[in-house]
Amino acid sequence: MASLTTLSARDLTRAVTTFAGLLRAQREFINRLNVYPVPDGDTGTNMTLTLESVVADVNALGTEVSMGEVCRAIAQGSLMGARGNSGVILSQMLRGLIQGFGDDRVDATQLAAGLVRADVLARQAVARPVEGTILSVARAAAEGAQDASSLESVVHGARDAARVALAKTPEQLAVLKQAGVVDSGGTGLVLWFDALCHVVAGDPLPVTPTIASINTLPELHESLEGNVGELKYEVMFLLDADDEKMPEFRSAWETLGDSIVIVGGEGLYNCHIHSNNVGASIEVALDAGRPRQIRVTDLSEQVLEERWVREANVLPEVPETPAPTTAVVAVVVGEGVGRIFETLGVRALVKGGQSMNPSTAELVDAVRASGSSEVIILPNNHNIRGVAEQVNALVDAEVRVVATDSIVEGFAALLSYDPDASVDENYRTMSVSALHVTAGEVTRAVRGTQTDAGDVCTGDWIGLGAGGVLAISDTLEGVNEKLLEQLVKNQHELLTIIEGEGSSKGVTRALREYATAHFPQLDIEVHHGGQPLYPYLFGVE
């Protein structure tokens, strides 16, 4: 076929549809590129679900549509359907790409400019951009297209540069090099450029790799431990404040931490700090103005692989009691966990299993179902935060996301929840409570690996904490005891145990006896959560 010189609305629709098909075909292959030995959902699944949402919105338009209508459908579908970090980043890339497209056809110059916008917007969406990831592949693609004069040379330049960048990702991230794999998100993004080359130039689509081909890779995985230094927490937010208050705000922050970045002007600033005093970092901002889209990240947990839930569906029932001043929406897994959270005052649950993440739309529905104009979201998972942060801009309510990365952190946050207080007051107190918890999880390894805790074989029981794999045993009882040895310190007073699928009365009894004998200062609470894949969750505070 003759190469296209411009892209029509129909051509762009073909490209995103082809991209979705490629992701669907290679989903499991991309999933297997992940380098952490935990049986959770993966990048391929999240990127696939995000594109399926895009295709659904585009297909709903019909046949005779303009470029502008297709672009709006892509933007809406990717925003509302984004799953996990990889889905949110991909959504930002697609939205950046199409921002400058009009209602007519798109030429080479417009497409090349869109690739630059995609790179910029994606990096703006990530708190701490890391090279050797999908971000590196996107930047290389944008640079590879800049000197092209035709639409064909733009897509070929972008694809070729993306492939080279993907091959280099193991040199940028040590964990990829040790595992003998390239970045999974970057692998998915290259398929977007394959789809564009197929539509524009008629290039053949790539052959779907077999799972067996990835099994030939060295089964050498490194626990993703990061060197976070002495300052443990990253605090970020947008700040609405008068310009004259900013020098005093900056001076106050300089006493609280480092890596301070404050950009903006004319009443709106983007603020970033590394600090061990999260509460003070936020309270100083309240003195200066109104912080929003607040994110608190435990830097030691940046390294943990994605935790996902399998079958997400919002429970739409609104309680008959009057709506509180501030309602709480929580993402939970397991019927028992849901009951615990409801008992503690959660107004609406987003519920599921272990390999599908809640979408932005499902969280929006839950916020609306809460019936309140001020809402706290507890994501209870590090990689659901990005989706949760999208909600505030999509609803009439004031929404804050407390950065809970586990069920036990959400549990602790709820103990400080005051339904009669404002959303900002609850955000402050619940965030501090969540940070006081040391979380641990027990599961079974699905592949072999090497970690600082020792060698892991497929089927071993492993105990996970903020530093990655902390304990290994061939028995459930053994890993429970080893993990508690790593988690419990002299100052701790309370141990919360949440039983999941695979737990038993005998193992729980032995666990309580061990904890009582070795840590007599602890009060011990046991709850039945029913969560899949993780027979025991621990919270120590």
Protein backbone atom coordinates (compact mmCIF):
# COMPACT_ATOMS: atom_id res chain seq x y z
CA MET A 1 0.00 0.00 0.00
CA ALA A 2 1.08 3.60 -0.51
CA SER A 3 2.16 5.32 2.68
CA LEU A 4 -0.21 7.84 4.21
CA THR A 5 0.80 11.50 4.13
CA THR A 6 -1.72 12.53 6.78
CA LEU A 7 -3.80 10.79 9.44
CA SER A 8 -7.60 10.93 9.29
CA ALA A 9 -9.99 10.25 12.15
CA ARG A 10 -10.52 6.77 10.75
CA ASP A 11 -6.74 6.18 10.56
CA LEU A 12 -6.28 7.22 14.19
CA THR A 13 -9.13 4.91 15.19
CA ARG A 14 -7.44 2.04 13.33
CA ALA A 15 -4.18 2.79 15.12
CA VAL A 16 -5.61 2.69 18.65
CA THR A 17 -7.66 -0.41 17.80
CA THR A 18 -4.56 -2.14 16.43
CA PHE A 19 -2.58 -1.09 19.49
CA ALA A 20 -5.23 -2.57 21.78
CA GLY A 21 -5.12 -5.83 19.82
CA LEU A 22 -1.32 -6.02 20.08
CA LEU A 23 -1.44 -5.41 23.82
CA ARG A 24 -4.12 -8.05 24.22
CA ALA A 25 -2.04 -10.58 22.27
CA GLN A 26 1.16 -9.83 24.19
CA ARG A 27 -0.36 -9.19 27.59
CA GLU A 28 1.01 -12.30 29.27
CA PHE A 29 4.41 -11.87 27.64
CA ILE A 30 4.63 -8.31 28.98
CA ASN A 31 3.43 -9.51 32.39
CA ARG A 32 6.25 -12.04 32.51
CA LEU A 33 8.82 -9.27 32.06
CA ASN A 34 8.09 -8.08 35.58
CA VAL A 35 10.95 -8.83 37.91
CA TYR A 36 9.34 -9.36 41.31
CA PRO A 37 8.41 -12.90 42.46
CA VAL A 38 4.89 -12.12 43.75
CA PRO A 39 1.69 -13.48 42.14
CA ASP A 40 0.10 -10.08 41.51
CA GLY A 41 -1.35 -8.42 38.40
CA ASP A 42 1.05 -6.87 35.93
CA THR A 43 1.84 -4.16 33.43
CA GLY A 44 0.52 -5.98 30.37
CA THR A 45 -2.89 -6.42 31.95
CA ASN A 46 -3.12 -2.79 33.04
CA MET A 47 -2.08 -1.36 29.67
CA THR A 48 -4.50 -3.69 27.89
CA LEU A 49 -7.44 -2.69 30.07
CA THR A 50 -6.64 0.99 29.59
CA LEU A 51 -6.66 0.66 25.78
CA GLU A 52 -9.81 -1.43 25.81
CA SER A 53 -11.52 1.49 27.55
CA VAL A 54 -10.21 3.81 24.83
CA VAL A 55 -11.47 1.55 22.05
CA ALA A 56 -14.89 1.24 23.70
CA ASP A 57 -15.31 5.02 23.79
CA VAL A 58 -14.06 5.47 20.22
CA ASN A 59 -16.31 2.71 18.87
CA ALA A 60 -19.31 4.30 20.57
CA LEU A 61 -18.94 7.33 18.26
CA GLY A 62 -20.08 5.55 15.12
CA THR A 63 -18.47 5.84 11.69
CA GLU A 64 -18.81 9.43 10.46
CA VAL A 65 -16.85 11.37 13.05
CA SER A 66 -14.28 14.17 13.08
CA MET A 67 -10.70 14.03 14.31
CA GLY A 68 -11.70 16.19 17.28
CA GLU A 69 -14.42 13.75 18.33
CA VAL A 70 -12.02 10.80 18.14
CA CYS A 71 -9.41 12.69 20.16
CA ARG A 72 -11.91 13.58 22.85
CA ALA A 73 -13.00 9.93 23.06
CA ILE A 74 -9.38 8.80 23.38
CA ALA A 75 -8.74 11.33 26.14
CA GLN A 76 -11.92 10.42 28.03
CA GLY A 77 -11.53 6.67 27.59
CA SER A 78 -7.91 6.63 28.72
CA LEU A 79 -8.59 8.87 31.71
CA MET A 80 -11.59 6.94 32.99
CA GLY A 81 -10.21 3.50 32.17
CA ALA A 82 -6.61 3.92 33.30
CA ARG A 83 -5.45 1.05 35.51
CA GLY A 84 -2.42 1.28 37.74
CA ASN A 85 0.76 3.28 37.22
CA SER A 86 1.37 1.96 33.72
CA GLY A 87 -2.19 2.76 32.66
CA VAL A 88 -2.10 6.28 34.11
CA ILE A 89 1.22 7.03 32.39
CA LEU A 90 -0.06 5.63 29.10
CA SER A 91 -3.20 7.73 29.48
CA GLN A 92 -1.11 10.86 29.94
CA MET A 93 0.94 10.00 26.86
CA LEU A 94 -2.13 9.56 24.69
CA ARG A 95 -3.67 12.78 25.97
CA GLY A 96 -0.45 14.67 25.32
CA LEU A 97 -0.15 13.23 21.82
CA ILE A 98 -3.58 14.41 20.71
CA GLN A 99 -3.74 17.76 22.51
CA GLY A 100 -2.66 19.72 19.46
CA PHE A 101 -4.75 17.84 16.92
CA GLY A 102 -7.64 19.79 15.43
CA ASP A 103 -10.81 18.61 13.69
CA ASP A 104 -9.01 17.92 10.42
CA ARG A 105 -6.27 15.53 9.31
CA VAL A 106 -2.94 15.32 11.16
CA ASP A 107 0.33 15.82 9.26
CA ALA A 108 3.92 14.87 10.06
CA THR A 109 4.71 18.08 11.93
CA GLN A 110 1.65 17.78 14.16
CA LEU A 111 2.35 14.13 14.97
CA ALA A 112 6.00 14.82 15.82
CA ALA A 113 4.95 17.71 18.07
CA GLY A 114 2.39 15.43 19.71
CA LEU A 115 5.11 12.92 20.60
CA VAL A 116 7.01 15.67 22.39
CA ARG A 117 3.88 16.65 24.31
CA ALA A 118 3.31 13.00 25.21
CA ASP A 119 6.80 12.79 26.68
CA VAL A 120 6.44 16.03 28.63
CA LEU A 121 2.97 15.28 29.99
CA ALA A 122 3.93 11.76 31.07
CA ARG A 123 6.95 12.99 32.99
CA GLN A 124 4.87 15.68 34.64
CA ALA A 125 2.53 12.96 35.86
CA VAL A 126 5.30 11.01 37.62
CA ALA A 127 6.54 12.24 41.00
CA ARG A 128 10.03 10.77 40.62
CA PRO A 129 10.80 9.95 36.98
CA VAL A 130 13.15 7.00 36.65
CA GLU A 131 15.20 6.27 33.56
CA GLY A 132 15.15 2.75 32.19
CA THR A 133 11.35 2.75 32.17
CA ILE A 134 8.50 3.58 29.78
CA LEU A 135 9.47 7.25 30.24
CA SER A 136 12.87 6.67 28.63
CA VAL A 137 11.26 4.90 25.68
CA ALA A 138 8.75 7.73 25.19
CA ARG A 139 11.45 10.39 25.23
CA ALA A 140 13.59 8.51 22.73
CA ALA A 141 10.60 8.10 20.40
CA ALA A 142 9.88 11.83 20.53
CA GLU A 143 13.50 12.66 19.75
CA GLY A 144 13.66 10.09 16.96
CA ALA A 145 10.76 11.73 15.15
CA GLN A 146 11.91 15.34 15.27
CA ASP A 147 13.99 15.50 12.08
CA ALA A 148 11.48 13.59 9.95
CA SER A 149 9.83 15.32 7.01
CA SER A 150 7.04 12.86 6.17
CA LEU A 151 4.44 11.01 8.19
CA GLU A 152 6.11 7.70 7.35
CA SER A 153 9.51 8.93 8.51
CA VAL A 154 7.97 10.26 11.73
CA VAL A 155 6.46 6.92 12.74
CA HIS A 156 9.49 4.93 11.59
CA GLY A 157 11.87 7.29 13.39
CA ALA A 158 9.83 7.06 16.57
CA ARG A 159 9.52 3.28 16.44
CA ASP A 160 13.21 2.68 15.68
CA ALA A 161 14.34 5.02 18.44
CA ALA A 162 11.88 3.43 20.88
CA ARG A 163 13.24 -0.03 20.12
CA VAL A 164 16.82 1.12 20.71
CA ALA A 165 15.82 2.80 23.98
CA LEU A 166 13.98 -0.33 25.12
CA ALA A 167 17.06 -2.45 24.49
CA LYS A 168 19.09 -0.04 26.65
CA THR A 169 16.77 -0.16 29.67
CA PRO A 170 18.76 -2.95 31.38
CA GLU A 171 21.78 -0.65 31.34
CA GLN A 172 19.76 2.04 33.12
CA LEU A 173 18.13 -0.14 35.79
CA ALA A 174 20.25 -2.73 37.55
CA VAL A 175 17.24 -4.86 38.45
CA LEU A 176 16.42 -5.34 34.75
CA LYS A 177 20.00 -6.25 33.93
CA GLN A 178 20.20 -8.87 36.66
CA ALA A 179 16.88 -10.37 35.63
CA GLY A 180 17.90 -10.43 31.96
CA VAL A 181 14.78 -8.57 30.80
CA VAL A 182 13.83 -5.20 29.33
CA ASP A 183 11.29 -2.84 30.87
CA SER A 184 7.73 -4.15 30.66
CA GLY A 185 6.01 -0.77 30.25
CA GLY A 186 8.45 0.23 27.53
CA THR A 187 7.74 -3.05 25.76
CA GLY A 188 4.05 -2.19 25.71
CA LEU A 189 4.71 1.33 24.42
CA VAL A 190 6.78 0.06 21.49
CA LEU A 191 3.62 -1.73 20.33
CA TRP A 192 1.95 1.68 19.91
CA PHE A 193 4.60 2.66 17.39
CA ASP A 194 4.27 -0.74 15.69
CA ALA A 195 0.55 -0.01 15.32
CA LEU A 196 1.23 3.45 13.85
CA CYS A 197 3.75 2.03 11.37
CA HIS A 198 1.23 -0.61 10.32
CA VAL A 199 -1.49 1.99 9.67
CA VAL A 200 0.73 4.65 8.08
CA ALA A 201 3.20 2.57 6.07
CA GLY A 202 1.65 -0.90 5.88
CA ASP A 203 4.44 -2.48 7.94
CA PRO A 204 3.68 -6.02 9.13
CA LEU A 205 2.62 -6.37 12.73
CA PRO A 206 5.14 -7.93 15.12
CA VAL A 207 4.88 -11.64 15.84
CA THR A 208 3.57 -12.37 19.32
CA PRO A 209 6.40 -13.85 21.42
CA THR A 210 5.69 -17.11 23.18
CA ILE A 211 5.77 -17.45 26.93
CA ALA A 212 8.35 -20.18 26.43
CA SER A 213 10.73 -17.64 24.94
CA ILE A 214 10.79 -15.64 28.14
CA ASN A 215 11.32 -18.80 30.17
CA THR A 216 14.76 -19.01 28.56
CA LEU A 217 15.71 -15.78 30.34
CA PRO A 218 17.82 -16.22 33.47
CA GLU A 219 15.57 -16.72 36.48
CA LEU A 220 17.62 -14.18 38.37
CA HIS A 221 15.59 -11.48 40.01
CA GLU A 222 16.75 -8.97 42.55
CA SER A 223 14.56 -7.62 45.29
CA LEU A 224 13.84 -4.02 44.38
CA GLU A 225 15.54 -2.39 47.30
CA GLY A 226 16.21 1.31 47.04
CA ASN A 227 18.69 3.49 48.86
CA VAL A 228 16.41 6.15 50.22
CA GLY A 229 18.88 7.84 52.56
CA GLU A 230 17.95 9.29 55.94
CA LEU A 231 14.85 11.17 54.76
CA LYS A 232 12.15 8.55 54.33
CA TYR A 233 9.09 10.32 52.93
CA GLU A 234 8.38 12.24 49.76
CA VAL A 235 5.63 14.86 50.10
CA MET A 236 4.12 16.54 47.04
CA PHE A 237 1.13 18.77 46.41
CA LEU A 238 -0.27 21.67 44.46
CA LEU A 239 -0.49 24.81 46.58
CA ASP A 240 -2.92 27.67 46.02
CA ALA A 241 -1.23 30.56 47.81
CA ASP A 242 -0.53 34.27 47.54
CA ASP A 243 2.87 34.89 45.99
CA GLU A 244 4.07 37.01 48.91
CA LYS A 245 3.63 34.05 51.29
CA MET A 246 5.94 31.74 49.35
CA PRO A 247 9.35 32.98 50.68
CA GLU A 248 8.24 32.26 54.25
CA PHE A 249 6.87 28.88 53.17
CA ARG A 250 10.15 27.97 51.46
CA SER A 251 12.17 29.01 54.52
CA ALA A 252 9.99 26.85 56.75
CA TRP A 253 10.42 23.85 54.46
CA GLU A 254 14.20 24.25 54.48
CA THR A 255 14.14 23.37 58.19
CA LEU A 256 12.15 20.19 57.52
CA GLY A 257 14.01 18.34 54.75
CA ASP A 258 15.81 18.48 51.44
CA SER A 259 15.25 17.82 47.71
CA ILE A 260 12.95 20.83 47.83
CA VAL A 261 11.42 21.87 44.51
CA ILE A 262 8.86 24.67 44.33
CA VAL A 263 7.76 25.80 40.89
CA GLY A 264 4.94 27.97 39.62
CA GLY A 265 3.62 31.46 40.22
CA GLU A 266 0.56 33.69 40.07
CA GLY A 267 -1.12 31.88 42.93
CA LEU A 268 -0.44 28.24 42.00
CA TYR A 269 2.68 26.28 42.93
CA ASN A 270 3.87 22.69 42.61
CA CYS A 271 5.78 21.70 45.74
CA HIS A 272 8.10 18.76 46.49
CA ILE A 273 10.17 17.81 49.54
CA HIS A 274 11.88 14.79 51.13
CA SER A 275 11.27 14.82 54.88
CA ASN A 276 10.80 12.68 57.96
CA ASN A 277 8.09 15.04 59.25
CA VAL A 278 5.09 14.60 56.97
CA GLY A 279 2.62 16.35 59.25
CA ALA A 280 4.72 19.51 59.60
CA SER A 281 5.43 19.60 55.87
CA ILE A 282 1.70 19.75 55.17
CA GLU A 283 0.79 22.03 58.09
CA VAL A 284 3.25 24.68 56.88
CA ALA A 285 1.44 24.66 53.54
CA LEU A 286 -1.89 25.19 55.30
CA ASP A 287 -0.43 28.31 56.87
CA ALA A 288 0.49 29.59 53.40
CA GLY A 289 -2.64 28.63 51.49
CA ARG A 290 -4.59 25.57 50.31
CA PRO A 291 -2.68 22.38 49.43
CA ARG A 292 -4.44 19.90 47.16
CA GLN A 293 -3.67 16.69 45.27
CA ILE A 294 -1.45 15.80 48.21
CA ARG A 295 0.73 12.72 47.83
CA VAL A 296 2.89 11.16 50.52
CA THR A 297 5.23 8.37 49.42
CA ASP A 298 7.34 6.10 51.60
CA LEU A 299 10.52 6.18 49.52
CA SER A 300 11.55 2.71 50.68
CA GLU A 301 8.32 1.35 49.20
CA GLN A 302 8.87 2.91 45.78
CA VAL A 303 10.65 -0.32 44.95
CA LEU A 304 7.82 -2.75 45.61
CA GLU A 305 6.28 -4.43 42.57
CA GLU A 306 2.68 -3.73 41.62
CA ARG A 307 -0.11 -5.12 43.81
CA TRP A 308 -3.41 -5.45 42.02
CA VAL A 309 -6.92 -6.66 42.67
CA ARG A 310 -8.59 -9.16 40.34
CA GLU A 311 -12.29 -8.38 39.95
CA ALA A 312 -13.10 -4.78 40.81
CA ASN A 313 -16.67 -3.64 41.21
CA VAL A 314 -18.09 -0.79 43.19
CA LEU A 315 -20.67 -1.60 45.81
CA PRO A 316 -23.17 1.18 45.02
CA GLU A 317 -25.35 1.01 48.09
CA VAL A 318 -25.44 4.26 50.01
CA PRO A 319 -26.07 3.77 53.72
CA GLU A 320 -29.37 5.07 54.98
CA THR A 321 -27.69 7.08 57.72
CA PRO A 322 -27.18 10.79 56.99
CA ALA A 323 -24.04 11.56 55.04
CA PRO A 324 -21.14 12.64 57.30
CA THR A 325 -19.18 15.85 56.80
CA THR A 326 -16.35 13.73 55.40
CA ALA A 327 -16.97 10.27 53.94
CA VAL A 328 -14.38 7.57 53.27
CA VAL A 329 -14.10 5.44 50.13
CA ALA A 330 -11.77 2.44 50.42
CA VAL A 331 -10.35 -0.07 47.97
CA VAL A 332 -10.51 -3.50 49.60
CA VAL A 333 -9.98 -7.14 48.75
CA GLY A 334 -11.74 -9.88 50.70
CA GLU A 335 -15.21 -9.86 52.24
CA GLY A 336 -13.82 -9.85 55.76
CA VAL A 337 -11.66 -6.83 55.05
CA GLY A 338 -14.70 -5.06 53.64
CA ARG A 339 -16.72 -5.76 56.79
CA ILE A 340 -13.90 -4.46 58.99
CA PHE A 341 -13.66 -1.25 57.00
CA GLU A 342 -17.43 -0.73 57.04
CA THR A 343 -17.41 -1.20 60.81
CA LEU A 344 -14.80 1.56 61.05
CA GLY A 345 -17.01 3.96 59.12
CA VAL A 346 -16.17 3.50 55.43
CA ARG A 347 -19.09 4.80 53.37
CA ALA A 348 -18.41 3.09 50.01
CA LEU A 349 -16.19 0.19 49.00
CA VAL A 350 -14.43 -0.55 45.74
CA LYS A 351 -14.05 -4.28 45.96
CA GLY A 352 -12.18 -6.93 43.98
CA GLY A 353 -9.75 -9.77 43.58
CA GLN A 354 -6.07 -9.88 42.68
CA SER A 355 -5.40 -9.23 38.98
CA MET A 356 -7.69 -6.36 37.97
CA ASN A 357 -7.41 -2.81 39.28
CA PRO A 358 -10.26 -0.41 39.93
CA SER A 359 -10.61 2.15 37.17
CA THR A 360 -11.00 5.88 37.65
CA ALA A 361 -14.67 5.54 36.70
CA GLU A 362 -15.28 3.00 39.47
CA LEU A 363 -13.69 5.26 42.06
CA VAL A 364 -15.74 8.20 40.76
CA ASP A 365 -18.90 6.12 41.17
CA ALA A 366 -17.92 5.23 44.73
CA VAL A 367 -17.26 8.87 45.65
CA ARG A 368 -20.66 9.85 44.29
CA ALA A 369 -22.28 6.91 46.09
CA SER A 370 -20.85 8.14 49.39
CA GLY A 371 -23.31 11.04 49.37
CA SER A 372 -20.83 13.52 50.88
CA SER A 373 -19.28 16.67 49.46
CA GLU A 374 -15.94 15.93 51.13
CA VAL A 375 -14.37 12.50 50.65
CA ILE A 376 -11.21 10.65 51.66
CA ILE A 377 -10.02 7.80 49.40
CA LEU A 378 -7.93 4.97 50.88
CA PRO A 379 -6.28 3.19 47.90
CA ASN A 380 -4.61 0.61 50.19
CA ASN A 381 -2.13 -0.11 47.40
CA HIS A 382 0.87 1.91 46.20
CA ASN A 383 -0.03 1.65 42.54
CA ILE A 384 -3.71 2.56 42.84
CA ARG A 385 -2.76 6.05 44.03
CA GLY A 386 -2.28 7.37 40.49
CA VAL A 387 -5.81 6.37 39.51
CA ALA A 388 -7.22 7.74 42.78
CA GLU A 389 -5.51 11.11 42.27
CA GLN A 390 -7.53 11.60 39.06
CA VAL A 391 -10.86 11.57 40.91
CA ASN A 392 -10.80 15.06 42.46
CA ALA A 393 -10.92 16.72 39.04
CA LEU A 394 -13.88 14.58 37.91
CA VAL A 395 -16.39 15.10 40.73
CA ASP A 396 -18.04 18.00 42.51
CA ALA A 397 -16.82 16.77 45.90
CA GLU A 398 -13.52 17.77 47.51
CA VAL A 399 -11.44 14.57 47.41
CA ARG A 400 -8.17 13.80 49.19
CA VAL A 401 -6.14 10.60 48.80
CA VAL A 402 -4.48 9.27 51.94
CA ALA A 403 -1.43 7.39 50.70
CA THR A 404 -2.16 3.97 52.20
CA ASP A 405 -0.14 1.25 50.52
CA SER A 406 -1.62 -1.75 52.31
CA ILE A 407 -4.77 -2.93 54.03
CA VAL A 408 -3.18 -2.58 57.47
CA GLU A 409 -2.22 1.04 56.74
CA GLY A 410 -5.81 1.73 55.73
CA PHE A 411 -6.96 0.04 58.92
CA ALA A 412 -4.70 2.29 61.01
CA ALA A 413 -5.77 5.42 59.13
CA LEU A 414 -9.42 4.68 59.87
CA LEU A 415 -8.74 4.60 63.60
CA SER A 416 -8.11 8.37 63.33
CA TYR A 417 -11.11 9.07 61.11
CA ASP A 418 -13.57 11.69 62.38
CA PRO A 419 -16.74 11.84 60.24
CA ASP A 420 -17.60 15.29 61.64
CA ALA A 421 -14.23 16.86 60.80
CA SER A 422 -13.34 18.47 57.48
CA VAL A 423 -11.66 16.55 54.70
CA ASP A 424 -8.37 18.41 55.24
CA GLU A 425 -8.41 17.75 58.99
CA ASN A 426 -9.05 14.06 58.34
CA TYR A 427 -6.36 13.99 55.66
CA ARG A 428 -3.75 15.26 58.13
CA THR A 429 -4.61 12.94 61.01
CA MET A 430 -5.24 9.84 58.90
CA SER A 431 -2.01 10.32 56.93
CA VAL A 432 0.03 10.50 60.13
CA SER A 433 -1.66 7.38 61.53
CA ALA A 434 -1.00 5.42 58.34
CA LEU A 435 2.68 6.33 58.45
CA HIS A 436 3.05 4.95 61.98
CA VAL A 437 2.33 1.40 60.80
CA THR A 438 4.96 -1.11 59.72
CA ALA A 439 3.29 -3.45 57.24
CA GLY A 440 4.14 -7.02 56.28
CA GLU A 441 2.64 -9.55 53.88
CA VAL A 442 3.04 -13.29 53.46
CA THR A 443 2.58 -14.98 50.10
CA ARG A 444 4.08 -17.67 47.89
CA ALA A 445 6.76 -17.03 45.27
CA VAL A 446 5.72 -17.78 41.70
CA ARG A 447 9.28 -17.81 40.37
CA GLY A 448 12.84 -18.20 41.57
CA THR A 449 14.85 -15.19 42.63
CA GLN A 450 17.85 -13.97 44.56
CA THR A 451 17.25 -11.45 47.34
CA ASP A 452 19.16 -9.97 50.24
CA ALA A 453 17.18 -12.34 52.45
CA GLY A 454 18.51 -15.34 50.48
CA ASP A 455 17.65 -17.46 47.46
CA VAL A 456 13.95 -17.99 46.72
CA CYS A 457 12.66 -21.07 44.90
CA THR A 458 9.31 -21.33 43.18
CA GLY A 459 6.72 -22.27 45.80
CA ASP A 460 8.64 -20.91 48.79
CA TRP A 461 6.77 -18.85 51.34
CA ILE A 462 8.08 -15.27 51.37
CA GLY A 463 7.52 -12.40 53.78
CA LEU A 464 7.39 -8.92 52.28
CA GLY A 465 7.97 -5.52 53.86
CA ALA A 466 9.06 -2.04 52.83
CA GLY A 467 12.49 -3.36 51.85
CA GLY A 468 11.20 -6.11 49.57
CA VAL A 469 11.64 -9.78 50.51
CA LEU A 470 12.49 -9.93 54.23
CA ALA A 471 11.86 -13.60 55.06
CA ILE A 472 11.91 -16.97 53.26
CA SER A 473 10.76 -20.39 54.43
CA ASP A 474 9.40 -23.64 53.06
CA THR A 475 6.61 -23.52 55.65
CA LEU A 476 3.92 -20.94 56.38
CA GLU A 477 4.65 -21.09 60.11
CA GLY A 478 8.33 -20.51 59.48
CA VAL A 479 7.91 -17.47 57.27
CA ASN A 480 5.43 -15.91 59.72
CA GLU A 481 7.98 -16.12 62.53
CA LYS A 482 10.88 -14.87 60.42
CA LEU A 483 8.88 -11.93 59.11
CA LEU A 484 7.80 -10.85 62.60
CA GLU A 485 11.45 -10.94 63.69
CA GLN A 486 12.17 -8.38 60.97
CA LEU A 487 9.12 -6.18 61.56
CA VAL A 488 8.78 -5.89 65.34
CA LYS A 489 10.96 -3.41 67.25
CA ASN A 490 11.20 -2.63 70.96
CA GLN A 491 8.98 0.45 70.73
CA HIS A 492 6.09 -1.39 69.10
CA GLU A 493 2.96 -1.99 71.16
CA LEU A 494 0.30 -3.50 68.87
CA LEU A 495 0.34 -6.35 66.36
CA THR A 496 -2.64 -6.65 64.00
CA ILE A 497 -3.00 -9.96 62.13
CA ILE A 498 -5.40 -10.21 59.19
CA GLU A 499 -6.11 -13.77 58.05
CA GLY A 500 -6.62 -14.44 54.34
CA GLU A 501 -7.26 -17.43 52.12
CA GLY A 502 -4.81 -20.18 53.04
CA SER A 503 -4.69 -19.31 56.74
CA SER A 504 -5.77 -21.85 59.34
CA LYS A 505 -6.74 -21.89 62.99
CA GLY A 506 -3.69 -23.99 63.82
CA VAL A 507 -1.22 -21.67 62.09
CA THR A 508 -2.86 -18.59 63.61
CA ARG A 509 -2.74 -20.15 67.09
CA ALA A 510 0.95 -20.96 66.64
CA LEU A 511 1.55 -17.43 65.40
CA ARG A 512 -0.08 -15.89 68.47
CA GLU A 513 1.89 -18.16 70.78
CA TYR A 514 5.15 -17.24 69.06
CA ALA A 515 4.41 -13.51 69.19
CA THR A 516 3.38 -13.66 72.86
CA ALA A 517 6.55 -15.52 73.81
CA HIS A 518 9.01 -13.43 71.81
CA PHE A 519 7.37 -9.99 71.96
CA PRO A 520 5.61 -9.82 75.34
CA GLN A 521 5.11 -6.04 75.05
CA LEU A 522 2.66 -6.49 72.16
CA ASP A 523 -1.10 -6.47 72.30
CA ILE A 524 -2.36 -8.81 69.57
CA GLU A 525 -5.52 -8.44 67.49
CA VAL A 526 -6.65 -11.01 64.90
CA HIS A 527 -9.20 -10.29 62.17
CA HIS A 528 -10.45 -12.48 59.33
CA GLY A 529 -10.02 -10.61 56.04
CA GLY A 530 -10.46 -13.34 53.44
CA GLN A 531 -8.00 -11.71 51.01
CA PRO A 532 -6.69 -14.01 48.23
CA LEU A 533 -3.03 -15.01 47.78
CA TYR A 534 -1.91 -13.46 51.07
CA PRO A 535 -2.79 -15.82 53.96
CA TYR A 536 -1.45 -13.34 56.51
CA LEU A 537 -1.11 -9.56 56.62
CA PHE A 538 0.67 -7.92 59.54
CA GLY A 539 0.53 -4.39 60.92
CA VAL A 540 2.86 -3.34 63.73
CA GLU A 541 2.52 0.02 65.48
